[in-house]
């Protein structure tokens, strides 16, 4: 059972780290501010929850299980998902309204004046 739990912890940590790697590579490739804000999605939507779950499982395995830690991780994941979605919408809208140039390939552009 210990080996299975170790493999699960490692898999969660690796996939979570890959979420951050994908976001970092996307930040290097995008050309405009709006796309940069959107490229942070894998890190906040995949990376943070999986890394927190791996940390919780590791702590539970090494120090023992604690309901307070479980509640803290659940609240942290929910807060990260809510805050990141609201923040990305606000940052994207602010980047667009500031007049930052968009990549010509951005389609559809639903915020454009008709």
C-alpha atoms as a PDB file:
ATOM      1  CA  UNK A   1       0.000   0.000   0.000  1.00  0.00           C
ATOM      2  CA  UNK A   2       2.878   2.325   0.769  1.00  0.00           C
ATOM      3  CA  UNK A   3       4.313   1.929  -2.746  1.00  0.00           C
ATOM      4  CA  UNK A   4       0.942   2.692  -4.338  1.00  0.00           C
ATOM      5  CA  UNK A   5       0.552   5.833  -2.235  1.00  0.00           C
ATOM      6  CA  UNK A   6       4.099   6.944  -3.079  1.00  0.00           C
ATOM      7  CA  UNK A   7       3.416   6.443  -6.794  1.00  0.00           C
ATOM      8  CA  UNK A   8       0.152   8.388  -6.511  1.00  0.00           C
ATOM      9  CA  UNK A   9       1.897  11.263  -4.741  1.00  0.00           C
ATOM     10  CA  UNK A  10       4.641  11.302  -7.367  1.00  0.00           C
ATOM     11  CA  UNK A  11       2.146  11.190 -10.238  1.00  0.00           C
ATOM     12  CA  UNK A  12       0.083  14.057  -8.788  1.00  0.00           C
ATOM     13  CA  UNK A  13       3.205  16.158  -8.226  1.00  0.00           C
ATOM     14  CA  UNK A  14       4.584  15.482 -11.703  1.00  0.00           C
ATOM     15  CA  UNK A  15       1.319  16.231 -13.498  1.00  0.00           C
ATOM     16  CA  UNK A  16       0.860  19.368 -11.384  1.00  0.00           C
ATOM     17  CA  UNK A  17       4.369  20.510 -12.250  1.00  0.00           C
ATOM     18  CA  UNK A  18       3.653  19.805 -15.926  1.00  0.00           C
ATOM     19  CA  UNK A  19       0.695  22.186 -15.660  1.00  0.00           C
ATOM     20  CA  UNK A  20       3.122  24.911 -14.617  1.00  0.00           C
ATOM     21  CA  UNK A  21       5.569  23.931 -17.363  1.00  0.00           C
ATOM     22  CA  UNK A  22       2.844  24.137 -20.012  1.00  0.00           C
ATOM     23  CA  UNK A  23       1.886  27.591 -18.762  1.00  0.00           C
ATOM     24  CA  UNK A  24       5.496  28.760 -18.778  1.00  0.00           C
ATOM     25  CA  UNK A  25       6.044  27.522 -22.325  1.00  0.00           C
ATOM     26  CA  UNK A  26       2.791  29.123 -23.438  1.00  0.00           C
ATOM     27  CA  UNK A  27       3.883  32.448 -21.945  1.00  0.00           C
ATOM     28  CA  UNK A  28       7.016  32.295 -24.086  1.00  0.00           C
ATOM     29  CA  UNK A  29       5.047  31.622 -27.271  1.00  0.00           C
ATOM     30  CA  UNK A  30       2.106  34.031 -27.106  1.00  0.00           C
ATOM     31  CA  UNK A  31       2.287  37.435 -28.691  1.00  0.00           C
ATOM     32  CA  UNK A  32      -0.229  39.636 -26.918  1.00  0.00           C
ATOM     33  CA  UNK A  33      -1.294  40.518 -23.377  1.00  0.00           C
ATOM     34  CA  UNK A  34      -4.720  38.896 -23.654  1.00  0.00           C
ATOM     35  CA  UNK A  35      -3.204  35.567 -24.617  1.00  0.00           C
ATOM     36  CA  UNK A  36      -0.659  35.830 -21.804  1.00  0.00           C
ATOM     37  CA  UNK A  37      -3.455  36.096 -19.266  1.00  0.00           C
ATOM     38  CA  UNK A  38      -5.204  33.084 -20.808  1.00  0.00           C
ATOM     39  CA  UNK A  39      -2.028  31.004 -20.839  1.00  0.00           C
ATOM     40  CA  UNK A  40      -1.950  30.972 -17.029  1.00  0.00           C
ATOM     41  CA  UNK A  41      -5.000  28.688 -16.958  1.00  0.00           C
ATOM     42  CA  UNK A  42      -3.209  25.327 -16.832  1.00  0.00           C
ATOM     43  CA  UNK A  43      -1.099  26.446 -13.879  1.00  0.00           C
ATOM     44  CA  UNK A  44      -4.025  27.661 -11.822  1.00  0.00           C
ATOM     45  CA  UNK A  45      -6.571  25.099 -12.966  1.00  0.00           C
ATOM     46  CA  UNK A  46      -4.416  21.970 -12.999  1.00  0.00           C
ATOM     47  CA  UNK A  47      -1.077  22.689 -11.346  1.00  0.00           C
ATOM     48  CA  UNK A  48      -2.188  24.214  -8.061  1.00  0.00           C
ATOM     49  CA  UNK A  49      -4.885  21.636  -7.161  1.00  0.00           C
ATOM     50  CA  UNK A  50      -2.707  18.653  -8.051  1.00  0.00           C
ATOM     51  CA  UNK A  51       0.320  19.962  -6.174  1.00  0.00           C
ATOM     52  CA  UNK A  52      -1.827  20.694  -3.119  1.00  0.00           C
ATOM     53  CA  UNK A  53      -3.316  17.194  -3.283  1.00  0.00           C
ATOM     54  CA  UNK A  54       0.165  15.675  -3.542  1.00  0.00           C
ATOM     55  CA  UNK A  55       1.335  17.740  -0.573  1.00  0.00           C
ATOM     56  CA  UNK A  56      -1.691  16.671   1.463  1.00  0.00           C
ATOM     57  CA  UNK A  57      -1.140  12.996   0.692  1.00  0.00           C
ATOM     58  CA  UNK A  58       2.554  13.280   1.486  1.00  0.00           C
ATOM     59  CA  UNK A  59       1.854  15.026   4.779  1.00  0.00           C
ATOM     60  CA  UNK A  60      -0.773  12.430   5.640  1.00  0.00           C
ATOM     61  CA  UNK A  61       1.636   9.613   4.877  1.00  0.00           C
ATOM     62  CA  UNK A  62       4.569  11.040   6.827  1.00  0.00           C
ATOM     63  CA  UNK A  63       2.940  12.902   9.737  1.00  0.00           C
ATOM     64  CA  UNK A  64      -0.455  11.252   9.971  1.00  0.00           C
ATOM     65  CA  UNK A  65      -3.872  12.284   8.725  1.00  0.00           C
ATOM     66  CA  UNK A  66      -5.462  15.435  10.087  1.00  0.00           C
ATOM     67  CA  UNK A  67      -8.946  16.680   9.219  1.00  0.00           C
ATOM     68  CA  UNK A  68      -7.802  20.293   9.564  1.00  0.00           C
ATOM     69  CA  UNK A  69      -5.229  19.785   6.810  1.00  0.00           C
ATOM     70  CA  UNK A  70      -7.852  18.240   4.540  1.00  0.00           C
ATOM     71  CA  UNK A  71     -10.217  21.171   5.080  1.00  0.00           C
ATOM     72  CA  UNK A  72      -7.387  23.649   4.477  1.00  0.00           C
ATOM     73  CA  UNK A  73      -6.437  22.003   1.185  1.00  0.00           C
ATOM     74  CA  UNK A  74     -10.043  21.797  -0.008  1.00  0.00           C
ATOM     75  CA  UNK A  75     -10.589  25.473   0.808  1.00  0.00           C
ATOM     76  CA  UNK A  76      -7.273  26.415  -0.824  1.00  0.00           C
ATOM     77  CA  UNK A  77      -8.180  24.565  -4.035  1.00  0.00           C
ATOM     78  CA  UNK A  78     -11.644  26.135  -4.162  1.00  0.00           C
ATOM     79  CA  UNK A  79     -10.238  29.585  -3.451  1.00  0.00           C
ATOM     80  CA  UNK A  80      -7.533  29.180  -6.099  1.00  0.00           C
ATOM     81  CA  UNK A  81     -10.069  28.153  -8.738  1.00  0.00           C
ATOM     82  CA  UNK A  82     -12.505  30.956  -7.916  1.00  0.00           C
ATOM     83  CA  UNK A  83      -9.871  33.669  -7.571  1.00  0.00           C
ATOM     84  CA  UNK A  84      -7.989  32.620 -10.703  1.00  0.00           C
ATOM     85  CA  UNK A  85     -11.098  32.627 -12.865  1.00  0.00           C
ATOM     86  CA  UNK A  86     -12.211  36.034 -11.628  1.00  0.00           C
ATOM     87  CA  UNK A  87      -8.690  37.456 -11.846  1.00  0.00           C
ATOM     88  CA  UNK A  88      -8.105  36.153 -15.372  1.00  0.00           C
ATOM     89  CA  UNK A  89     -11.362  37.698 -16.557  1.00  0.00           C
ATOM     90  CA  UNK A  90     -10.514  41.025 -14.915  1.00  0.00           C
ATOM     91  CA  UNK A  91      -6.930  41.033 -16.218  1.00  0.00           C
ATOM     92  CA  UNK A  92      -8.000  40.056 -19.723  1.00  0.00           C
ATOM     93  CA  UNK A  93     -10.640  42.760 -19.854  1.00  0.00           C
ATOM     94  CA  UNK A  94      -8.210  45.338 -18.469  1.00  0.00           C
ATOM     95  CA  UNK A  95      -5.569  44.350 -21.025  1.00  0.00           C
ATOM     96  CA  UNK A  96      -8.090  44.674 -23.847  1.00  0.00           C
ATOM     97  CA  UNK A  97      -9.527  47.990 -22.633  1.00  0.00           C
ATOM     98  CA  UNK A  98      -6.041  49.474 -22.152  1.00  0.00           C
ATOM     99  CA  UNK A  99      -5.551  49.380 -25.883  1.00  0.00           C
ATOM    100  CA  UNK A 100      -2.843  46.728 -25.845  1.00  0.00           C
ATOM    101  CA  UNK A 101      -2.485  45.386 -29.384  1.00  0.00           C
ATOM    102  CA  UNK A 102      -4.058  42.017 -30.102  1.00  0.00           C
ATOM    103  CA  UNK A 103      -2.544  39.288 -32.179  1.00  0.00           C
ATOM    104  CA  UNK A 104      -4.168  39.477 -35.628  1.00  0.00           C
ATOM    105  CA  UNK A 105      -5.057  35.796 -35.305  1.00  0.00           C
ATOM    106  CA  UNK A 106      -7.351  36.479 -32.329  1.00  0.00           C
ATOM    107  CA  UNK A 107     -10.736  35.314 -33.538  1.00  0.00           C
ATOM    108  CA  UNK A 108     -13.484  35.765 -32.506  1.00  0.00           C
ATOM    109  CA  UNK A 109     -12.999  39.142 -30.922  1.00  0.00           C
ATOM    110  CA  UNK A 110     -16.236  39.474 -28.976  1.00  0.00           C
ATOM    111  CA  UNK A 111     -15.126  42.601 -27.121  1.00  0.00           C
ATOM    112  CA  UNK A 112     -14.591  44.622 -30.294  1.00  0.00           C
ATOM    113  CA  UNK A 113     -16.979  47.443 -31.030  1.00  0.00           C
ATOM    114  CA  UNK A 114     -19.423  46.518 -33.750  1.00  0.00           C
END
